[in-house]
Structures are given as structure tokens and as C-alpha cells.
Amino acid sequence: MNGVAVVDARIGADAAVIRALAEAGLSHRVRTAKMKNPRIRQIATLMYLHTQLVPEGSGKKSTSSNLAGLEEKLLEMSNLAPANDAIQSAMAFLAKLIDGWFR
């Protein structure tokens, strides 16, 4: 099992992360569903913390550039797994975060 479809709501996402997801244009339904998955929640929280803790400059620009390439790969890979809605959905969610928070 890859854990992409796992649901564990025992630990909630930080309110600041949830607000940032809303500001990125993600619906309440999507935010709630995705943040119940511990792996997706960890990745989203790490990405959010990067946006908050890394100062403007070359490090932030380099990350944005690298994540742009990752976003393209996520979208390409999601097309390779058409029968797995959980994987497609997770990859699309992460791509949306990259687009919303790092571009």
C-alpha cells in the first residue's frame, strides 16, 4: 500500500495551513479530504512551512524553479495511473499547491 488513500483524522492540520490552502483556491471539500491523509498532510505542511520560513532570495527562487519541474512531472505521472483516482487526486492536489504557493 502506498498510503495515498489512507485516512487518519486523529491529528488535524494546523489552522494556518488550512487557511493557506483556502487562499490557494482549494475548496472546503478538497481541503478536508486531502488533509485527512497523513502523508499528504505532512507534504502540504512542509511546503507551507517553506513558504513561511525561507526568506526571499536565491534559496526561494531555486525551490520555486525545482518545484515547477516537479509539478510538471506530477501531472505527467497522474496520467499514467488513470485507473487509480486516489493517486491522480493526490498528484493534482500537490501540483495545485506548488502552483499556488511557489509561483
N, C-alpha and C. Protein backbone atom coordinates (compact mmCIF):
# COMPACT_ATOMS: atom_id res chain seq x y z
N MET A 1 0.84 -1.18 0.00
CA MET A 1 0.00 0.00 0.00
C MET A 1 0.89 1.24 0.00
N ASN A 2 0.56 2.23 -0.81
CA ASN A 2 1.36 3.44 -0.90
C ASN A 2 0.95 4.52 0.09
N GLY A 3 -0.19 4.37 0.73
CA GLY A 3 -0.63 5.34 1.73
C GLY A 3 -1.31 6.56 1.19
N VAL A 4 -1.44 6.67 -0.12
CA VAL A 4 -2.05 7.86 -0.70
C VAL A 4 -3.55 7.90 -0.41
N ALA A 5 -4.17 6.76 -0.23
CA ALA A 5 -5.60 6.73 0.03
C ALA A 5 -5.93 6.53 1.51
N VAL A 6 -4.91 6.54 2.37
CA VAL A 6 -5.12 6.34 3.80
C VAL A 6 -5.83 7.56 4.39
N VAL A 7 -6.76 7.30 5.31
CA VAL A 7 -7.45 8.38 6.01
C VAL A 7 -7.17 8.22 7.50
N ASP A 8 -6.69 9.28 8.12
CA ASP A 8 -6.42 9.28 9.55
C ASP A 8 -6.70 10.69 10.06
N ALA A 9 -7.83 10.88 10.68
CA ALA A 9 -8.23 12.21 11.14
C ALA A 9 -7.93 12.41 12.63
N ARG A 10 -7.13 11.53 13.23
CA ARG A 10 -6.81 11.68 14.65
C ARG A 10 -6.02 12.96 14.92
N ILE A 11 -5.20 13.35 13.97
CA ILE A 11 -4.41 14.58 14.10
C ILE A 11 -4.85 15.50 12.98
N GLY A 12 -5.30 16.67 13.34
CA GLY A 12 -5.77 17.62 12.33
C GLY A 12 -4.64 18.48 11.80
N ALA A 13 -4.91 19.11 10.70
CA ALA A 13 -3.93 20.03 10.11
C ALA A 13 -3.98 21.35 10.87
N ASP A 14 -2.88 22.03 10.88
CA ASP A 14 -2.76 23.33 11.51
C ASP A 14 -3.71 24.32 10.82
N ALA A 15 -4.31 25.20 11.62
CA ALA A 15 -5.27 26.17 11.08
C ALA A 15 -4.63 27.09 10.03
N ALA A 16 -3.37 27.44 10.24
CA ALA A 16 -2.68 28.31 9.27
C ALA A 16 -2.52 27.60 7.93
N VAL A 17 -2.24 26.32 7.97
CA VAL A 17 -2.11 25.54 6.73
C VAL A 17 -3.46 25.48 6.01
N ILE A 18 -4.51 25.23 6.77
CA ILE A 18 -5.85 25.17 6.18
C ILE A 18 -6.22 26.51 5.54
N ARG A 19 -5.91 27.61 6.21
CA ARG A 19 -6.18 28.94 5.63
C ARG A 19 -5.40 29.14 4.33
N ALA A 20 -4.13 28.73 4.34
CA ALA A 20 -3.30 28.88 3.14
C ALA A 20 -3.84 28.03 1.99
N LEU A 21 -4.36 26.85 2.31
CA LEU A 21 -4.97 26.01 1.27
C LEU A 21 -6.19 26.71 0.68
N ALA A 22 -6.99 27.32 1.54
CA ALA A 22 -8.17 28.07 1.05
C ALA A 22 -7.74 29.22 0.16
N GLU A 23 -6.70 29.93 0.57
CA GLU A 23 -6.19 31.06 -0.22
C GLU A 23 -5.62 30.60 -1.56
N ALA A 24 -5.17 29.34 -1.62
CA ALA A 24 -4.65 28.78 -2.87
C ALA A 24 -5.79 28.36 -3.80
N GLY A 25 -7.03 28.50 -3.33
CA GLY A 25 -8.18 28.21 -4.19
C GLY A 25 -8.75 26.81 -4.05
N LEU A 26 -8.35 26.09 -3.01
CA LEU A 26 -8.86 24.74 -2.81
C LEU A 26 -10.17 24.78 -2.03
N SER A 27 -11.14 24.05 -2.50
CA SER A 27 -12.46 24.06 -1.87
C SER A 27 -12.41 23.41 -0.48
N HIS A 28 -13.40 23.70 0.32
CA HIS A 28 -13.50 23.11 1.66
C HIS A 28 -13.51 21.59 1.57
N ARG A 29 -14.24 21.05 0.62
CA ARG A 29 -14.32 19.59 0.46
C ARG A 29 -12.95 18.99 0.18
N VAL A 30 -12.21 19.61 -0.73
CA VAL A 30 -10.88 19.11 -1.09
C VAL A 30 -9.92 19.26 0.08
N ARG A 31 -9.94 20.42 0.73
CA ARG A 31 -9.05 20.63 1.88
C ARG A 31 -9.29 19.58 2.96
N THR A 32 -10.55 19.37 3.28
CA THR A 32 -10.90 18.41 4.33
C THR A 32 -10.47 17.00 3.95
N ALA A 33 -10.78 16.60 2.75
CA ALA A 33 -10.45 15.24 2.30
C ALA A 33 -8.95 15.01 2.26
N LYS A 34 -8.21 15.91 1.67
CA LYS A 34 -6.78 15.70 1.50
C LYS A 34 -6.02 15.78 2.82
N MET A 35 -6.43 16.65 3.71
CA MET A 35 -5.70 16.81 4.96
C MET A 35 -6.02 15.71 5.97
N LYS A 36 -6.92 14.81 5.64
CA LYS A 36 -7.14 13.63 6.47
C LYS A 36 -6.09 12.56 6.20
N ASN A 37 -5.39 12.68 5.09
CA ASN A 37 -4.36 11.71 4.74
C ASN A 37 -3.05 12.16 5.37
N PRO A 38 -2.46 11.33 6.24
CA PRO A 38 -1.25 11.78 6.95
C PRO A 38 -0.07 12.10 6.03
N ARG A 39 0.10 11.38 4.95
CA ARG A 39 1.23 11.64 4.05
C ARG A 39 1.04 12.96 3.30
N ILE A 40 -0.15 13.16 2.80
CA ILE A 40 -0.44 14.41 2.08
C ILE A 40 -0.37 15.59 3.05
N ARG A 41 -0.88 15.41 4.26
CA ARG A 41 -0.83 16.47 5.28
C ARG A 41 0.61 16.84 5.60
N GLN A 42 1.49 15.85 5.72
CA GLN A 42 2.90 16.13 6.00
C GLN A 42 3.56 16.91 4.87
N ILE A 43 3.30 16.50 3.65
CA ILE A 43 3.89 17.19 2.49
C ILE A 43 3.36 18.61 2.40
N ALA A 44 2.06 18.79 2.55
CA ALA A 44 1.45 20.12 2.47
C ALA A 44 1.98 21.01 3.59
N THR A 45 2.12 20.46 4.78
CA THR A 45 2.62 21.25 5.91
C THR A 45 4.07 21.66 5.69
N LEU A 46 4.88 20.74 5.18
CA LEU A 46 6.28 21.06 4.88
C LEU A 46 6.36 22.16 3.82
N MET A 47 5.55 22.05 2.78
CA MET A 47 5.56 23.07 1.74
C MET A 47 5.12 24.42 2.32
N TYR A 48 4.09 24.41 3.15
CA TYR A 48 3.62 25.65 3.77
C TYR A 48 4.72 26.26 4.63
N LEU A 49 5.37 25.44 5.46
CA LEU A 49 6.44 25.95 6.32
C LEU A 49 7.56 26.57 5.49
N HIS A 50 7.87 25.97 4.37
CA HIS A 50 8.91 26.54 3.49
C HIS A 50 8.50 27.94 3.04
N THR A 51 7.23 28.11 2.67
CA THR A 51 6.79 29.43 2.21
C THR A 51 6.90 30.46 3.33
N GLN A 52 6.77 30.02 4.56
CA GLN A 52 6.78 30.94 5.69
C GLN A 52 8.17 31.18 6.27
N LEU A 53 9.04 30.19 6.22
CA LEU A 53 10.31 30.28 6.92
C LEU A 53 11.50 30.67 6.05
N VAL A 54 11.46 30.34 4.78
CA VAL A 54 12.59 30.64 3.91
C VAL A 54 12.45 32.08 3.40
N PRO A 55 13.46 32.90 3.67
CA PRO A 55 13.37 34.29 3.24
C PRO A 55 13.47 34.42 1.72
N GLU A 56 12.97 35.54 1.23
CA GLU A 56 13.07 35.82 -0.20
C GLU A 56 14.54 35.82 -0.59
N GLY A 57 14.81 35.35 -1.79
CA GLY A 57 16.19 35.33 -2.26
C GLY A 57 16.45 34.12 -3.12
N SER A 58 17.72 33.81 -3.27
CA SER A 58 18.10 32.75 -4.20
C SER A 58 17.58 31.38 -3.77
N GLY A 59 17.53 31.10 -2.46
CA GLY A 59 17.01 29.82 -2.00
C GLY A 59 15.55 29.62 -2.36
N LYS A 60 14.77 30.67 -2.21
CA LYS A 60 13.35 30.59 -2.53
C LYS A 60 13.15 30.48 -4.05
N LYS A 61 13.96 31.21 -4.80
CA LYS A 61 13.86 31.13 -6.27
C LYS A 61 14.25 29.75 -6.77
N SER A 62 15.29 29.19 -6.19
CA SER A 62 15.74 27.86 -6.59
C SER A 62 14.67 26.82 -6.29
N THR A 63 14.05 26.92 -5.14
CA THR A 63 12.98 25.99 -4.78
C THR A 63 11.81 26.12 -5.73
N SER A 64 11.43 27.34 -6.05
CA SER A 64 10.33 27.56 -6.99
C SER A 64 10.62 26.92 -8.34
N SER A 65 11.85 27.08 -8.79
CA SER A 65 12.25 26.50 -10.07
C SER A 65 12.19 24.98 -10.02
N ASN A 66 12.73 24.41 -8.96
CA ASN A 66 12.73 22.95 -8.83
C ASN A 66 11.31 22.39 -8.71
N LEU A 67 10.47 23.08 -7.96
CA LEU A 67 9.10 22.61 -7.78
C LEU A 67 8.27 22.75 -9.05
N ALA A 68 8.62 23.72 -9.89
CA ALA A 68 7.92 23.84 -11.17
C ALA A 68 8.15 22.57 -12.00
N GLY A 69 9.37 22.08 -11.98
CA GLY A 69 9.67 20.83 -12.68
C GLY A 69 8.94 19.65 -12.05
N LEU A 70 8.86 19.64 -10.73
CA LEU A 70 8.14 18.57 -10.04
C LEU A 70 6.65 18.63 -10.38
N GLU A 71 6.10 19.82 -10.44
CA GLU A 71 4.68 19.96 -10.78
C GLU A 71 4.40 19.35 -12.15
N GLU A 72 5.25 19.63 -13.11
CA GLU A 72 5.08 19.04 -14.45
C GLU A 72 5.13 17.52 -14.39
N LYS A 73 6.08 16.99 -13.64
CA LYS A 73 6.20 15.53 -13.52
C LYS A 73 4.99 14.92 -12.81
N LEU A 74 4.48 15.59 -11.78
CA LEU A 74 3.29 15.10 -11.08
C LEU A 74 2.10 14.99 -12.03
N LEU A 75 1.92 16.02 -12.84
CA LEU A 75 0.80 16.00 -13.77
C LEU A 75 0.99 14.93 -14.85
N GLU A 76 2.22 14.77 -15.33
CA GLU A 76 2.51 13.71 -16.31
C GLU A 76 2.26 12.33 -15.70
N MET A 77 2.73 12.12 -14.49
CA MET A 77 2.60 10.83 -13.85
C MET A 77 1.15 10.50 -13.51
N SER A 78 0.37 11.51 -13.19
CA SER A 78 -1.04 11.25 -12.86
C SER A 78 -1.76 10.67 -14.07
N ASN A 79 -1.32 11.02 -15.26
CA ASN A 79 -1.92 10.47 -16.47
C ASN A 79 -1.54 9.01 -16.70
N LEU A 80 -0.47 8.57 -16.07
CA LEU A 80 -0.04 7.19 -16.22
C LEU A 80 -0.82 6.23 -15.32
N ALA A 81 -1.58 6.77 -14.39
CA ALA A 81 -2.33 5.94 -13.45
C ALA A 81 -3.83 6.26 -13.55
N PRO A 82 -4.40 6.13 -14.75
CA PRO A 82 -5.80 6.56 -14.92
C PRO A 82 -6.81 5.74 -14.12
N ALA A 83 -6.45 4.51 -13.75
CA ALA A 83 -7.40 3.69 -13.01
C ALA A 83 -7.34 3.95 -11.50
N ASN A 84 -6.41 4.77 -11.05
CA ASN A 84 -6.26 5.00 -9.63
C ASN A 84 -6.61 6.44 -9.29
N ASP A 85 -7.85 6.66 -8.92
CA ASP A 85 -8.32 8.01 -8.62
C ASP A 85 -7.57 8.64 -7.45
N ALA A 86 -7.19 7.84 -6.45
CA ALA A 86 -6.50 8.38 -5.28
C ALA A 86 -5.16 8.98 -5.67
N ILE A 87 -4.42 8.29 -6.52
CA ILE A 87 -3.12 8.80 -6.95
C ILE A 87 -3.29 10.04 -7.82
N GLN A 88 -4.21 9.98 -8.76
CA GLN A 88 -4.45 11.15 -9.62
C GLN A 88 -4.84 12.36 -8.78
N SER A 89 -5.74 12.14 -7.84
CA SER A 89 -6.22 13.22 -7.00
C SER A 89 -5.10 13.80 -6.13
N ALA A 90 -4.28 12.95 -5.53
CA ALA A 90 -3.18 13.41 -4.69
C ALA A 90 -2.17 14.22 -5.50
N MET A 91 -1.85 13.73 -6.68
CA MET A 91 -0.88 14.44 -7.53
C MET A 91 -1.43 15.78 -7.99
N ALA A 92 -2.70 15.82 -8.34
CA ALA A 92 -3.31 17.08 -8.74
C ALA A 92 -3.34 18.07 -7.58
N PHE A 93 -3.61 17.58 -6.38
CA PHE A 93 -3.62 18.42 -5.18
C PHE A 93 -2.24 19.03 -4.94
N LEU A 94 -1.21 18.20 -4.99
CA LEU A 94 0.15 18.70 -4.77
C LEU A 94 0.58 19.66 -5.87
N ALA A 95 0.19 19.38 -7.09
CA ALA A 95 0.51 20.30 -8.20
C ALA A 95 -0.16 21.65 -7.98
N LYS A 96 -1.39 21.63 -7.48
CA LYS A 96 -2.12 22.88 -7.21
C LYS A 96 -1.42 23.67 -6.10
N LEU A 97 -0.90 22.98 -5.09
CA LEU A 97 -0.16 23.66 -4.03
C LEU A 97 1.11 24.31 -4.57
N ILE A 98 1.83 23.58 -5.38
CA ILE A 98 3.04 24.13 -5.97
C ILE A 98 2.71 25.37 -6.78
N ASP A 99 1.68 25.28 -7.58
CA ASP A 99 1.27 26.41 -8.41
C ASP A 99 0.81 27.59 -7.55
N GLY A 100 0.06 27.31 -6.51
CA GLY A 100 -0.48 28.38 -5.68
C GLY A 100 0.52 29.00 -4.71
N TRP A 101 1.45 28.22 -4.21
CA TRP A 101 2.35 28.71 -3.18
C TRP A 101 3.75 29.06 -3.67
N PHE A 102 4.15 28.57 -4.82
CA PHE A 102 5.54 28.76 -5.24
C PHE A 102 5.70 29.46 -6.59
N ARG A 103 4.63 29.90 -7.18
CA ARG A 103 4.77 30.60 -8.47
C ARG A 103 4.34 32.02 -8.35
